[in-house]
Amino acid sequence: MSKLVHELQRDAISENCSLGELLRKSLVVAKKLRITDFELWVSHELNGYPPESTIPKYREVVGRIKAWNPGKGWIPISMQDTEQDKTKSMAYQSVSSLEALVSDRKGGDLQVIFPSEIEASLMRRPDVPFPPTLHFGSNQVDGILQAVRNTVLNWACDLENRGILGDDMSFTSEEQQAAKEMQTINIGQFQGVLGNVQQSTVTQNLNMDVRKKDFDSLAAYMQSVGIEEAQITDLRDRIKQDPTPQDKDKLGPKVSSWIGEMVGKAAAGGCQLAVGTAGSLLAQAICLYYGFV
């Protein structure tokens, strides 16, 4: 009788098996074994990562910001305090979308459109008169796709090592129990399998110990994500100048402006926050300071 986990291993090492097919089979295994964290990861890889979700480190791409000038073509945008003007962003797309990007381009550069808040922040600069995009090599997408395939292979091998194989499309109660015990260490394994997530939103959210009206706790979080002391002092002053907000979706104008400036800093690689999540994470920390949950 066919062992489902063995099938998963064979599919993972076969380039003839598409990533979509491999992930759908992985989703079946994860659901049947009730391994919820791996199920969530598979779902995100199949459907794309929502903006507020944890993005694995292997999905980080490094490129250069350029703006399209109708009269001159692509104009490179110089970013201060970055190595050779390179900027980091995260790839949120589903694996099928990433595969299509690589297939359509057949080499050369790919482009990422910045979230509206990042784009608006960049276009406030006098040297960015046109909407900017991030340009990066298609080989980086190949790396993402290989990381996904390798992750499934490592996971399937770990299942076998724990005696979890599955007969056809079912698992015994003993295998389900072994998988349940496996869940308690799965997050730790993900940090190795999915890449170093020390700078990802996982760590950023876990470190967000911000208490109501305790600016020291807010300052500690800001320092942990690379916000400079002078900018933290500036935030303290702006909080004092703004009226206390009554709604978490309506922060004061000075504080909101500060968040926009820090988003621009993230786009330039000036702090440890990912470009696509900088605004939401900073706003979340400030809302915790105000007492909004």
Protein backbone atom coordinates (compact mmCIF):
# COMPACT_ATOMS: atom_id res chain seq x y z
CA MET A 1 0.00 0.00 0.00
CA SER A 2 1.29 3.45 -0.92
CA LYS A 3 2.72 5.59 1.89
CA LEU A 4 1.54 9.18 1.56
CA VAL A 5 4.65 10.66 3.19
CA HIS A 6 6.89 8.68 0.83
CA GLU A 7 4.89 10.08 -2.10
CA LEU A 8 5.47 13.55 -0.69
CA GLN A 9 9.21 12.94 -0.57
CA ARG A 10 9.31 11.65 -4.14
CA ASP A 11 7.30 14.64 -5.39
CA ALA A 12 9.55 17.06 -3.53
CA ILE A 13 12.71 15.78 -5.27
CA SER A 14 11.05 15.53 -8.68
CA GLU A 15 11.23 18.64 -10.85
CA ASN A 16 8.36 17.15 -12.87
CA CYS A 17 5.99 17.73 -9.94
CA SER A 18 4.80 21.33 -9.87
CA LEU A 19 5.04 23.27 -6.64
CA GLY A 20 1.30 23.76 -6.64
CA GLU A 21 0.69 20.01 -6.75
CA LEU A 22 3.35 19.40 -4.10
CA LEU A 23 1.87 21.98 -1.75
CA ARG A 24 -1.69 20.70 -2.20
CA LYS A 25 -0.55 17.21 -1.21
CA SER A 26 1.33 18.75 1.75
CA LEU A 27 -1.88 20.51 2.76
CA VAL A 28 -3.74 17.19 2.82
CA VAL A 29 -1.09 15.66 5.08
CA ALA A 30 -0.96 18.66 7.40
CA LYS A 31 -4.76 18.76 7.74
CA LYS A 32 -5.09 15.03 8.38
CA LEU A 33 -2.37 15.21 11.03
CA ARG A 34 -3.72 18.52 12.40
CA ILE A 35 -0.31 20.21 12.17
CA THR A 36 -1.80 23.68 12.09
CA ASP A 37 1.34 25.81 11.79
CA PHE A 38 2.58 23.89 8.74
CA GLU A 39 -0.95 23.96 7.30
CA LEU A 40 -0.94 27.76 7.63
CA TRP A 41 2.45 28.01 5.93
CA VAL A 42 1.29 25.81 3.03
CA SER A 43 -1.91 27.87 2.64
CA HIS A 44 0.10 31.08 2.46
CA GLU A 45 2.46 29.64 -0.13
CA LEU A 46 -0.50 28.46 -2.21
CA ASN A 47 -2.59 31.62 -1.92
CA GLY A 48 -0.08 34.37 -1.15
CA TYR A 49 0.79 36.07 2.13
CA PRO A 50 -1.64 38.68 3.54
CA PRO A 51 0.10 42.01 4.35
CA GLU A 52 -0.09 41.47 8.12
CA SER A 53 1.16 37.88 8.09
CA THR A 54 4.61 36.54 8.95
CA ILE A 55 6.80 36.46 5.84
CA PRO A 56 9.64 33.89 5.92
CA LYS A 57 13.14 35.30 5.50
CA TYR A 58 13.73 33.34 2.30
CA ARG A 59 11.10 35.51 0.58
CA GLU A 60 13.21 38.63 0.98
CA VAL A 61 14.40 40.11 -2.32
CA VAL A 62 17.07 42.76 -2.78
CA GLY A 63 16.94 45.20 -5.65
CA ARG A 64 17.18 48.81 -6.75
CA ILE A 65 14.44 51.42 -6.76
CA LYS A 66 13.71 52.96 -10.15
CA ALA A 67 11.02 55.32 -11.45
CA TRP A 68 9.65 55.31 -15.00
CA ASN A 69 10.12 58.62 -16.82
CA PRO A 70 8.07 58.60 -20.06
CA GLY A 71 10.72 60.70 -21.77
CA LYS A 72 13.88 59.03 -20.45
CA GLY A 73 12.87 55.52 -19.43
CA TRP A 74 13.83 53.97 -16.07
CA ILE A 75 15.58 56.40 -13.70
CA PRO A 76 17.51 54.92 -10.73
CA ILE A 77 16.59 56.46 -7.36
CA SER A 78 19.47 57.01 -4.97
CA MET A 79 18.76 55.87 -1.40
CA GLN A 80 21.00 57.10 1.39
CA ASP A 81 22.63 54.77 3.91
CA THR A 82 22.23 51.68 1.73
CA GLU A 83 24.94 49.63 0.11
CA GLN A 84 25.05 50.66 -3.54
CA ASP A 85 21.49 51.95 -3.25
CA LYS A 86 20.12 48.45 -2.72
CA THR A 87 16.74 48.05 -1.03
CA LYS A 88 15.05 45.02 0.54
CA SER A 89 11.42 44.00 0.21
CA MET A 90 9.34 40.87 0.71
CA ALA A 91 7.65 38.78 -1.99
CA TYR A 92 4.02 38.22 -0.93
CA GLN A 93 2.79 36.44 -4.08
CA SER A 94 1.63 32.83 -4.28
CA VAL A 95 4.11 30.30 -5.66
CA SER A 96 2.05 30.01 -8.87
CA SER A 97 2.32 33.78 -9.38
CA LEU A 98 6.06 33.68 -8.77
CA GLU A 99 6.45 30.78 -11.20
CA ALA A 100 4.51 32.75 -13.82
CA LEU A 101 6.71 35.80 -13.27
CA VAL A 102 9.86 33.80 -13.95
CA SER A 103 8.33 31.96 -16.91
CA ASP A 104 7.06 35.14 -18.57
CA ARG A 105 10.28 37.07 -18.10
CA LYS A 106 12.71 34.24 -18.98
CA GLY A 107 15.61 35.93 -17.23
CA GLY A 108 16.36 39.59 -16.65
CA ASP A 109 14.85 41.84 -14.00
CA LEU A 110 11.46 41.62 -12.30
CA GLN A 111 9.55 44.42 -10.62
CA VAL A 112 7.67 44.79 -7.33
CA ILE A 113 5.11 47.56 -6.88
CA PHE A 114 5.42 49.16 -3.46
CA PRO A 115 2.43 49.36 -1.08
CA SER A 116 0.63 52.69 -1.38
CA GLU A 117 2.07 54.05 1.89
CA ILE A 118 5.65 53.31 0.77
CA GLU A 119 5.05 54.78 -2.67
CA ALA A 120 3.55 57.96 -1.19
CA SER A 121 6.49 58.33 1.19
CA LEU A 122 9.04 57.95 -1.60
CA MET A 123 7.22 60.34 -3.92
CA ARG A 124 7.42 63.10 -1.33
CA ARG A 125 11.09 63.30 -2.26
CA PRO A 126 11.86 65.92 -4.94
CA ASP A 127 13.92 63.42 -6.98
CA VAL A 128 11.03 60.93 -7.29
CA PRO A 129 8.46 62.60 -9.57
CA PHE A 130 7.08 59.30 -10.89
CA PRO A 131 5.77 56.14 -9.16
CA PRO A 132 8.77 53.99 -8.08
CA THR A 133 9.12 50.23 -8.27
CA LEU A 134 11.71 47.78 -6.94
CA HIS A 135 13.74 45.98 -9.62
CA PHE A 136 15.50 42.71 -8.81
CA GLY A 137 16.93 39.67 -10.57
CA SER A 138 14.64 36.80 -11.50
CA ASN A 139 17.18 34.39 -10.01
CA GLN A 140 15.99 35.54 -6.57
CA VAL A 141 12.52 34.17 -7.33
CA ASP A 142 14.11 30.86 -8.34
CA GLY A 143 15.69 30.81 -4.89
CA ILE A 144 12.30 31.32 -3.23
CA LEU A 145 10.74 28.47 -5.18
CA GLN A 146 13.60 26.12 -4.34
CA ALA A 147 13.36 27.07 -0.65
CA VAL A 148 9.67 26.09 -0.66
CA ARG A 149 10.41 22.71 -2.27
CA ASN A 150 13.27 22.05 0.17
CA THR A 151 11.05 22.95 3.11
CA VAL A 152 8.46 20.34 2.13
CA LEU A 153 11.18 17.73 1.61
CA ASN A 154 12.74 18.37 5.03
CA TRP A 155 9.31 18.26 6.68
CA ALA A 156 8.38 14.98 4.96
CA CYS A 157 11.70 13.42 6.04
CA ASP A 158 11.09 14.59 9.61
CA LEU A 159 7.64 12.94 9.54
CA GLU A 160 9.22 9.64 8.47
CA ASN A 161 11.86 9.90 11.20
CA ARG A 162 9.00 10.10 13.72
CA GLY A 163 7.33 7.02 12.28
CA ILE A 164 4.59 8.98 10.50
CA LEU A 165 4.02 7.55 7.01
CA GLY A 166 0.31 7.16 6.32
CA ASP A 167 -1.34 4.28 4.48
CA ASP A 168 -2.82 5.56 1.23
CA MET A 169 -4.75 8.66 2.41
CA SER A 170 -5.11 7.92 6.13
CA PHE A 171 -3.02 7.94 9.30
CA THR A 172 -3.27 5.74 12.38
CA SER A 173 -4.13 7.13 15.80
CA GLU A 174 -0.51 6.51 16.84
CA GLU A 175 0.75 8.58 13.92
CA GLN A 176 -1.70 11.37 14.72
CA GLN A 177 -0.50 11.38 18.33
CA ALA A 178 3.12 11.53 17.19
CA ALA A 179 2.24 14.48 14.97
CA LYS A 180 0.50 16.20 17.88
CA GLU A 181 3.66 15.93 19.96
CA MET A 182 5.63 17.21 16.98
CA GLN A 183 3.59 20.43 16.96
CA THR A 184 5.18 21.61 20.19
CA ILE A 185 8.58 21.92 18.47
CA ASN A 186 7.45 22.79 14.97
CA ILE A 187 7.87 26.54 15.33
CA GLY A 188 11.45 26.07 16.46
CA GLN A 189 12.13 23.88 13.46
CA PHE A 190 10.60 26.44 11.14
CA GLN A 191 13.28 28.90 12.15
CA GLY A 192 15.82 26.50 10.69
CA VAL A 193 13.83 25.10 7.80
CA LEU A 194 12.30 28.35 6.60
CA GLY A 195 15.41 30.43 7.16
CA ASN A 196 16.57 32.79 9.87
CA VAL A 197 13.49 34.74 10.91
CA GLN A 198 15.28 36.84 13.52
CA GLN A 199 14.41 40.01 11.61
CA SER A 200 10.98 38.88 10.43
CA THR A 201 7.59 39.96 11.71
CA VAL A 202 7.56 36.85 13.96
CA THR A 203 10.28 38.30 16.16
CA GLN A 204 8.97 41.82 15.78
CA ASN A 205 5.54 40.84 17.09
CA LEU A 206 6.90 38.65 19.90
CA ASN A 207 9.07 41.55 21.08
CA MET A 208 6.17 44.02 21.03
CA ASP A 209 5.81 44.25 24.82
CA VAL A 210 4.37 47.77 24.85
CA ARG A 211 2.31 48.80 27.87
CA LYS A 212 -0.37 51.49 28.08
CA LYS A 213 1.05 55.00 28.70
CA ASP A 214 4.52 53.52 29.32
CA PHE A 215 6.73 55.30 26.82
CA ASP A 216 9.84 53.44 28.01
CA SER A 217 8.30 50.15 26.84
CA LEU A 218 7.40 51.76 23.50
CA ALA A 219 10.92 53.15 23.18
CA ALA A 220 12.41 49.71 23.91
CA TYR A 221 10.39 48.18 21.08
CA MET A 222 11.38 50.95 18.68
CA GLN A 223 15.04 50.42 19.55
CA SER A 224 14.66 46.66 18.94
CA VAL A 225 13.65 47.29 15.31
CA GLY A 226 16.43 49.77 14.60
CA ILE A 227 14.73 53.13 15.20
CA GLU A 228 17.37 55.64 16.26
CA GLU A 229 17.29 57.41 19.63
CA ALA A 230 16.76 60.84 18.07
CA GLN A 231 13.72 59.56 16.17
CA ILE A 232 12.31 57.95 19.31
CA THR A 233 12.71 61.29 21.14
CA ASP A 234 10.95 62.95 18.21
CA LEU A 235 8.09 60.45 18.56
CA ARG A 236 7.79 61.28 22.28
CA ASP A 237 7.47 64.98 21.44
CA ARG A 238 4.86 64.36 18.75
CA ILE A 239 2.78 62.19 21.08
CA LYS A 240 2.76 65.09 23.57
CA GLN A 241 1.77 67.57 20.85
CA ASP A 242 -1.05 65.46 19.39
CA PRO A 243 -4.45 65.14 21.09
CA THR A 244 -5.06 61.69 22.57
CA PRO A 245 -6.75 59.63 19.82
CA GLN A 246 -10.16 58.12 20.49
CA ASP A 247 -9.90 55.51 17.73
CA LYS A 248 -6.98 53.25 16.81
CA ASP A 249 -7.62 54.00 13.14
CA LYS A 250 -7.28 57.76 13.67
CA LEU A 251 -3.95 58.59 15.22
CA GLY A 252 -2.94 62.23 15.58
CA PRO A 253 -1.48 64.08 12.56
CA LYS A 254 2.03 64.48 14.00
CA VAL A 255 2.30 60.84 15.04
CA SER A 256 0.88 59.69 11.70
CA SER A 257 3.46 61.83 9.90
CA TRP A 258 6.22 60.25 12.02
CA ILE A 259 5.07 56.75 11.00
CA GLY A 260 5.20 57.80 7.34
CA GLU A 261 8.76 59.01 7.76
CA MET A 262 9.81 55.73 9.37
CA VAL A 263 8.20 53.79 6.51
CA GLY A 264 10.47 55.73 4.15
CA LYS A 265 13.41 54.79 6.36
CA ALA A 266 12.42 51.11 6.12
CA ALA A 267 12.25 51.41 2.32
CA ALA A 268 15.82 52.73 2.39
CA GLY A 269 16.98 49.80 4.55
CA GLY A 270 17.53 52.08 7.54
CA CYS A 271 15.86 49.83 10.11
CA GLN A 272 15.10 46.15 10.68
CA LEU A 273 11.44 46.30 9.68
CA ALA A 274 10.35 44.78 6.37
CA VAL A 275 9.19 47.41 3.89
CA GLY A 276 5.71 45.95 3.44
CA THR A 277 4.94 45.73 7.16
CA ALA A 278 6.77 48.73 8.68
CA GLY A 279 3.77 51.05 8.81
CA SER A 280 1.38 48.53 10.33
CA LEU A 281 3.86 47.31 12.97
CA LEU A 282 4.82 50.82 14.10
CA ALA A 283 1.16 51.83 14.24
CA GLN A 284 0.34 48.67 16.21
CA ALA A 285 3.04 49.46 18.79
CA ILE A 286 1.83 53.04 19.17
CA CYS A 287 -1.79 51.85 19.51
CA LEU A 288 -0.69 49.56 22.34
CA TYR A 289 0.89 52.58 24.03
CA TYR A 290 -2.44 54.43 23.75
CA GLY A 291 -4.25 51.44 25.21
CA PHE A 292 -5.91 50.15 22.04
CA VAL A 293 -5.84 46.34 21.74
